[in-house]
Structures are given as structure tokens and as C-alpha cells.
Amino acid sequence: MRMTMKDLLYGALLTALALLIPLAFQGWLQVAIPPFSATLASHLPTMLAMTVSPWVAILVGLGSSFGFFMTLGPIVAMRALTHAVFGGVGAKLYQKGFALWQILLITLPIHALSEAAVVMLFDFSLHQALLLVGLGTALHHTADSIITLSVYGSLRKAGVPLGLRAKGTVRNF
């Protein structure tokens, strides 16, 4: 798969946003109940990147992980690595013609369960992993999905060609 200059530009902008959110919102718009933490809109760049391409979504997820490593440490950074996973899966689904809202719903359990699995690697109990991290991530994913769908709809109304593929198909959100 070839990445276009437009894909590269969107990827760079969304990666910059993925880095900026944990840096700018540190201690603000964050909830922390260890081992769970949530920063409002932190999934937005990855969720938008899914409408560009799988490689862009994966790279933005990696950028998100680096931003959280710099602000909240290695456990949160490892959890943020799952953004690359659910982002890549979501981007593949987007390419197959799924609507963005469907993709966000499908990737919710992938995201929540993979973050729960990550904290179990660090000796947190199954209860902490599933209840705090899994359920917390599912709620956070849902909130960020609502924000993403609003931003995506606004971008489309403004004429920003996110979601336009080379074939000329447009996906509904």
C-alpha cells in the first residue's frame, strides 16, 4: 500500500495532535483511578486517522503512546500502544466500506480488552484489569467516539476530504 502526500500530511497533523493532547491536558481533563487513567479526546487523533489509512492510524497510535510515555509513564504508554491496534483494525474496516460509527462500535471491545490485558502484565488483578481498565476504557472510548463523530461531521461539512478514498467513495459517519 502506498501512502500519498495527503495521507502523510494528515498523519503528521494527527500524530502532532496525539502528542499534544497528553502533554497539554496533563492534570487537566484527566481522570486517574490507578491502574486506569483517561484523558478526554485522547482517542480522537487515532479515530480520525482510521478514515485516512491503516498505516496512518498505526503511526498516530504510536505517537499517542509516546506522548503518554512522556507524561504518565510506561504502563499508560503500553496501554496507549493499543491505539495502534484498534486504529489499524478500524482503518481496514473503513476501507471495506463500514461507516465510522460502526467501526467505533466494533473496535470498542478490542480496545477495552487489550488495555485490560496490558495492565495484567504488570501484576494487576483480573478485577482491576476488567473492572477499572476494561470498563473505564469502554466508557472513555464511547465518550471519545461521540467527540470524533462530531469533529468528523464538521470536517466533512467544511470540505476537508477525510474519508474520501481514491475510488471516490464517501463513507457516512
C-alpha atoms as a PDB file:
ATOM      1  CA  MET A   1       0.000   0.000   0.000  1.00  0.00           C
ATOM      2  CA  ARG A   2       1.340   3.408  -0.993  1.00  0.00           C
ATOM      3  CA  MET A   3       0.956   6.412   1.245  1.00  0.00           C
ATOM      4  CA  THR A   4       0.033   9.608  -0.601  1.00  0.00           C
ATOM      5  CA  MET A   5       1.332  13.055   0.265  1.00  0.00           C
ATOM      6  CA  LYS A   6      -2.136  13.889   1.622  1.00  0.00           C
ATOM      7  CA  ASP A   7      -2.057  10.779   3.845  1.00  0.00           C
ATOM      8  CA  LEU A   8       1.383  11.791   5.085  1.00  0.00           C
ATOM      9  CA  LEU A   9       0.175  15.320   5.870  1.00  0.00           C
ATOM     10  CA  TYR A  10      -2.915  14.099   7.736  1.00  0.00           C
ATOM     11  CA  GLY A  11      -0.780  11.540   9.553  1.00  0.00           C
ATOM     12  CA  ALA A  12       1.703  14.206  10.657  1.00  0.00           C
ATOM     13  CA  LEU A  13      -1.046  16.552  11.850  1.00  0.00           C
ATOM     14  CA  LEU A  14      -2.917  13.821  13.702  1.00  0.00           C
ATOM     15  CA  THR A  15       0.306  12.495  15.257  1.00  0.00           C
ATOM     16  CA  ALA A  16       1.141  16.017  16.445  1.00  0.00           C
ATOM     17  CA  LEU A  17      -2.338  16.209  17.992  1.00  0.00           C
ATOM     18  CA  ALA A  18      -1.877  12.750  19.568  1.00  0.00           C
ATOM     19  CA  LEU A  19       1.333  14.019  21.184  1.00  0.00           C
ATOM     20  CA  LEU A  20      -0.138  17.366  22.176  1.00  0.00           C
ATOM     21  CA  ILE A  21      -3.212  16.014  23.976  1.00  0.00           C
ATOM     22  CA  PRO A  22      -1.364  14.187  26.794  1.00  0.00           C
ATOM     23  CA  LEU A  23       1.191  16.993  27.056  1.00  0.00           C
ATOM     24  CA  ALA A  24      -1.317  19.859  27.128  1.00  0.00           C
ATOM     25  CA  PHE A  25      -4.045  18.114  29.137  1.00  0.00           C
ATOM     26  CA  GLN A  26      -1.726  16.649  31.779  1.00  0.00           C
ATOM     27  CA  GLY A  27      -3.528  17.107  35.086  1.00  0.00           C
ATOM     28  CA  TRP A  28      -6.413  18.785  33.250  1.00  0.00           C
ATOM     29  CA  LEU A  29      -9.247  16.905  31.555  1.00  0.00           C
ATOM     30  CA  GLN A  30      -7.770  13.725  33.031  1.00  0.00           C
ATOM     31  CA  VAL A  31      -9.238  11.140  35.359  1.00  0.00           C
ATOM     32  CA  ALA A  32      -6.928   8.731  37.182  1.00  0.00           C
ATOM     33  CA  ILE A  33      -8.029   5.739  39.240  1.00  0.00           C
ATOM     34  CA  PRO A  34      -4.921   3.523  39.058  1.00  0.00           C
ATOM     35  CA  PRO A  35      -4.342   1.483  37.049  1.00  0.00           C
ATOM     36  CA  PHE A  36      -6.945   3.338  34.941  1.00  0.00           C
ATOM     37  CA  SER A  37      -6.489   6.819  33.571  1.00  0.00           C
ATOM     38  CA  ALA A  38      -8.361   8.725  30.901  1.00  0.00           C
ATOM     39  CA  THR A  39      -7.603  11.950  29.094  1.00  0.00           C
ATOM     40  CA  LEU A  40     -10.597  13.430  27.305  1.00  0.00           C
ATOM     41  CA  ALA A  41     -10.277  13.317  23.499  1.00  0.00           C
ATOM     42  CA  SER A  42      -7.033  11.314  23.577  1.00  0.00           C
ATOM     43  CA  HIS A  43      -8.515   8.768  21.145  1.00  0.00           C
ATOM     44  CA  LEU A  44      -9.694  11.442  18.695  1.00  0.00           C
ATOM     45  CA  PRO A  45      -6.499  11.507  16.571  1.00  0.00           C
ATOM     46  CA  THR A  46      -6.427   7.717  16.181  1.00  0.00           C
ATOM     47  CA  MET A  47     -10.147   7.535  15.496  1.00  0.00           C
ATOM     48  CA  LEU A  48      -9.880  10.210  12.797  1.00  0.00           C
ATOM     49  CA  ALA A  49      -6.755   8.548  11.382  1.00  0.00           C
ATOM     50  CA  MET A  50      -8.813   5.418  10.737  1.00  0.00           C
ATOM     51  CA  THR A  51     -10.527   7.372   7.923  1.00  0.00           C
ATOM     52  CA  VAL A  52      -7.174   8.044   6.236  1.00  0.00           C
ATOM     53  CA  SER A  53      -5.363   4.692   6.056  1.00  0.00           C
ATOM     54  CA  PRO A  54      -4.231   1.767   8.215  1.00  0.00           C
ATOM     55  CA  TRP A  55      -0.606   2.960   8.233  1.00  0.00           C
ATOM     56  CA  VAL A  56      -1.623   6.452   9.302  1.00  0.00           C
ATOM     57  CA  ALA A  57      -3.831   5.038  12.077  1.00  0.00           C
ATOM     58  CA  ILE A  58      -0.996   2.834  13.329  1.00  0.00           C
ATOM     59  CA  LEU A  59       1.533   5.676  13.263  1.00  0.00           C
ATOM     60  CA  VAL A  60      -0.833   8.020  15.098  1.00  0.00           C
ATOM     61  CA  GLY A  61      -1.387   5.301  17.717  1.00  0.00           C
ATOM     62  CA  LEU A  62       2.377   5.022  18.184  1.00  0.00           C
ATOM     63  CA  GLY A  63       2.614   8.802  18.572  1.00  0.00           C
ATOM     64  CA  SER A  64      -0.104   8.689  21.205  1.00  0.00           C
ATOM     65  CA  SER A  65       1.847   6.055  23.103  1.00  0.00           C
ATOM     66  CA  PHE A  66       4.971   8.215  23.065  1.00  0.00           C
ATOM     67  CA  GLY A  67       3.030  11.229  24.362  1.00  0.00           C
ATOM     68  CA  PHE A  68       1.651   9.216  27.254  1.00  0.00           C
ATOM     69  CA  PHE A  69       5.075   7.749  27.993  1.00  0.00           C
ATOM     70  CA  MET A  70       6.413  11.290  28.437  1.00  0.00           C
ATOM     71  CA  THR A  71       3.581  12.331  30.764  1.00  0.00           C
ATOM     72  CA  LEU A  72       2.160   9.302  32.588  1.00  0.00           C
ATOM     73  CA  GLY A  73       4.845   6.632  32.347  1.00  0.00           C
ATOM     74  CA  PRO A  74       5.351   3.177  30.872  1.00  0.00           C
ATOM     75  CA  ILE A  75       2.119   1.437  31.938  1.00  0.00           C
ATOM     76  CA  VAL A  76      -0.102   4.110  30.406  1.00  0.00           C
ATOM     77  CA  ALA A  77       2.197   4.198  27.360  1.00  0.00           C
ATOM     78  CA  MET A  78       1.796   0.435  26.916  1.00  0.00           C
ATOM     79  CA  ARG A  79      -1.963   0.849  27.211  1.00  0.00           C
ATOM     80  CA  ALA A  80      -1.801   3.613  24.588  1.00  0.00           C
ATOM     81  CA  LEU A  81       0.013   1.234  22.220  1.00  0.00           C
ATOM     82  CA  THR A  82      -3.371  -0.437  21.819  1.00  0.00           C
ATOM     83  CA  HIS A  83      -4.440   2.686  19.903  1.00  0.00           C
ATOM     84  CA  ALA A  84      -2.248   1.426  17.056  1.00  0.00           C
ATOM     85  CA  VAL A  85      -4.027  -1.944  17.185  1.00  0.00           C
ATOM     86  CA  PHE A  86      -7.639  -0.772  17.242  1.00  0.00           C
ATOM     87  CA  GLY A  87      -6.743   2.053  14.836  1.00  0.00           C
ATOM     88  CA  GLY A  88      -5.278  -0.341  12.281  1.00  0.00           C
ATOM     89  CA  VAL A  89      -8.276  -2.677  12.552  1.00  0.00           C
ATOM     90  CA  GLY A  90     -10.674   0.262  12.263  1.00  0.00           C
ATOM     91  CA  ALA A  91      -8.890   1.661   9.213  1.00  0.00           C
ATOM     92  CA  LYS A  92      -9.117  -1.721   7.461  1.00  0.00           C
ATOM     93  CA  LEU A  93     -12.856  -1.802   8.211  1.00  0.00           C
ATOM     94  CA  TYR A  94     -13.182   1.759   6.890  1.00  0.00           C
ATOM     95  CA  GLN A  95     -11.504   0.714   3.652  1.00  0.00           C
ATOM     96  CA  LYS A  96     -14.038  -2.110   3.361  1.00  0.00           C
ATOM     97  CA  GLY A  97     -16.885   0.422   3.463  1.00  0.00           C
ATOM     98  CA  PHE A  98     -18.028   0.344   7.081  1.00  0.00           C
ATOM     99  CA  ALA A  99     -19.400   3.621   8.430  1.00  0.00           C
ATOM    100  CA  LEU A 100     -17.282   5.343  11.067  1.00  0.00           C
ATOM    101  CA  TRP A 101     -19.905   4.885  13.796  1.00  0.00           C
ATOM    102  CA  GLN A 102     -19.968   1.135  13.077  1.00  0.00           C
ATOM    103  CA  ILE A 103     -16.182   0.937  13.241  1.00  0.00           C
ATOM    104  CA  LEU A 104     -16.071   2.781  16.554  1.00  0.00           C
ATOM    105  CA  LEU A 105     -18.608   0.317  17.946  1.00  0.00           C
ATOM    106  CA  ILE A 106     -16.742  -2.734  16.586  1.00  0.00           C
ATOM    107  CA  THR A 107     -13.357  -1.559  17.884  1.00  0.00           C
ATOM    108  CA  LEU A 108     -14.663  -0.777  21.397  1.00  0.00           C
ATOM    109  CA  PRO A 109     -14.225  -4.333  22.779  1.00  0.00           C
ATOM    110  CA  ILE A 110     -10.865  -4.722  21.022  1.00  0.00           C
ATOM    111  CA  HIS A 111      -9.672  -1.510  22.655  1.00  0.00           C
ATOM    112  CA  ALA A 112     -11.082  -2.206  26.131  1.00  0.00           C
ATOM    113  CA  LEU A 113      -9.935  -5.824  26.359  1.00  0.00           C
ATOM    114  CA  SER A 114      -6.456  -5.107  25.010  1.00  0.00           C
ATOM    115  CA  GLU A 115      -5.910  -2.315  27.555  1.00  0.00           C
ATOM    116  CA  ALA A 116      -7.137  -4.640  30.311  1.00  0.00           C
ATOM    117  CA  ALA A 117      -4.701  -7.319  29.120  1.00  0.00           C
ATOM    118  CA  VAL A 118      -1.814  -4.828  29.213  1.00  0.00           C
ATOM    119  CA  VAL A 119      -2.282  -3.987  32.897  1.00  0.00           C
ATOM    120  CA  MET A 120      -2.429  -7.679  33.774  1.00  0.00           C
ATOM    121  CA  LEU A 121       1.175  -7.901  32.518  1.00  0.00           C
ATOM    122  CA  PHE A 122       2.066  -5.537  35.374  1.00  0.00           C
ATOM    123  CA  ASP A 123       0.589  -7.759  38.125  1.00  0.00           C
ATOM    124  CA  PHE A 124      -2.740  -6.024  38.477  1.00  0.00           C
ATOM    125  CA  SER A 125      -5.607  -8.312  39.417  1.00  0.00           C
ATOM    126  CA  LEU A 126      -8.247  -9.545  36.986  1.00  0.00           C
ATOM    127  CA  HIS A 127     -10.756  -7.413  38.894  1.00  0.00           C
ATOM    128  CA  GLN A 128      -8.638  -4.262  38.470  1.00  0.00           C
ATOM    129  CA  ALA A 129      -7.952  -5.064  34.836  1.00  0.00           C
ATOM    130  CA  LEU A 130     -11.526  -5.801  33.775  1.00  0.00           C
ATOM    131  CA  LEU A 131     -13.499  -3.502  36.028  1.00  0.00           C
ATOM    132  CA  LEU A 132     -11.292  -0.437  36.240  1.00  0.00           C
ATOM    133  CA  VAL A 133      -9.369  -0.563  32.988  1.00  0.00           C
ATOM    134  CA  GLY A 134     -11.694  -2.552  30.715  1.00  0.00           C
ATOM    135  CA  LEU A 135     -14.933  -0.849  31.718  1.00  0.00           C
ATOM    136  CA  GLY A 136     -13.212   2.518  32.113  1.00  0.00           C
ATOM    137  CA  THR A 137     -11.691   2.231  28.645  1.00  0.00           C
ATOM    138  CA  ALA A 138     -15.055   1.242  27.168  1.00  0.00           C
ATOM    139  CA  LEU A 139     -16.666   4.349  28.674  1.00  0.00           C
ATOM    140  CA  HIS A 140     -13.740   6.526  27.575  1.00  0.00           C
ATOM    141  CA  HIS A 141     -13.849   5.034  24.054  1.00  0.00           C
ATOM    142  CA  THR A 142     -17.582   5.827  23.903  1.00  0.00           C
ATOM    143  CA  ALA A 143     -17.103   9.444  25.002  1.00  0.00           C
ATOM    144  CA  ASP A 144     -14.256   9.966  22.536  1.00  0.00           C
ATOM    145  CA  SER A 145     -16.316   8.287  19.783  1.00  0.00           C
ATOM    146  CA  ILE A 146     -19.044  10.895  20.267  1.00  0.00           C
ATOM    147  CA  ILE A 147     -16.446  13.671  20.070  1.00  0.00           C
ATOM    148  CA  THR A 148     -14.844  12.062  16.999  1.00  0.00           C
ATOM    149  CA  LEU A 149     -18.149  11.700  15.161  1.00  0.00           C
ATOM    150  CA  SER A 150     -18.899  15.374  15.842  1.00  0.00           C
ATOM    151  CA  VAL A 151     -15.481  16.513  14.627  1.00  0.00           C
ATOM    152  CA  TYR A 152     -15.629  14.191  11.607  1.00  0.00           C
ATOM    153  CA  GLY A 153     -19.047  15.536  10.646  1.00  0.00           C
ATOM    154  CA  SER A 154     -17.792  19.109  10.999  1.00  0.00           C
ATOM    155  CA  LEU A 155     -14.706  18.367   8.890  1.00  0.00           C
ATOM    156  CA  ARG A 156     -16.860  16.859   6.153  1.00  0.00           C
ATOM    157  CA  LYS A 157     -19.189  19.885   6.186  1.00  0.00           C
ATOM    158  CA  ALA A 158     -16.143  22.148   5.908  1.00  0.00           C
ATOM    159  CA  GLY A 159     -14.986  20.213   2.848  1.00  0.00           C
ATOM    160  CA  VAL A 160     -11.955  18.524   4.429  1.00  0.00           C
ATOM    161  CA  PRO A 161     -11.595  15.298   2.422  1.00  0.00           C
ATOM    162  CA  LEU A 162     -11.097  12.868   5.319  1.00  0.00           C
ATOM    163  CA  GLY A 163     -12.856   9.671   4.393  1.00  0.00           C
ATOM    164  CA  LEU A 164     -12.505  10.152   0.663  1.00  0.00           C
ATOM    165  CA  ARG A 165     -10.692   7.264  -0.950  1.00  0.00           C
ATOM    166  CA  ALA A 166      -9.061   7.174  -4.358  1.00  0.00           C
ATOM    167  CA  LYS A 167     -12.118   5.328  -5.709  1.00  0.00           C
ATOM    168  CA  GLY A 168     -14.194   8.423  -4.954  1.00  0.00           C
ATOM    169  CA  THR A 169     -16.349   6.730  -2.328  1.00  0.00           C
ATOM    170  CA  VAL A 170     -17.558   8.696   0.637  1.00  0.00           C
ATOM    171  CA  ARG A 171     -18.456   6.973   3.886  1.00  0.00           C
ATOM    172  CA  ASN A 172     -21.272   8.177   6.072  1.00  0.00           C
ATOM    173  CA  PHE A 173     -20.495   8.652   9.691  1.00  0.00           C
END
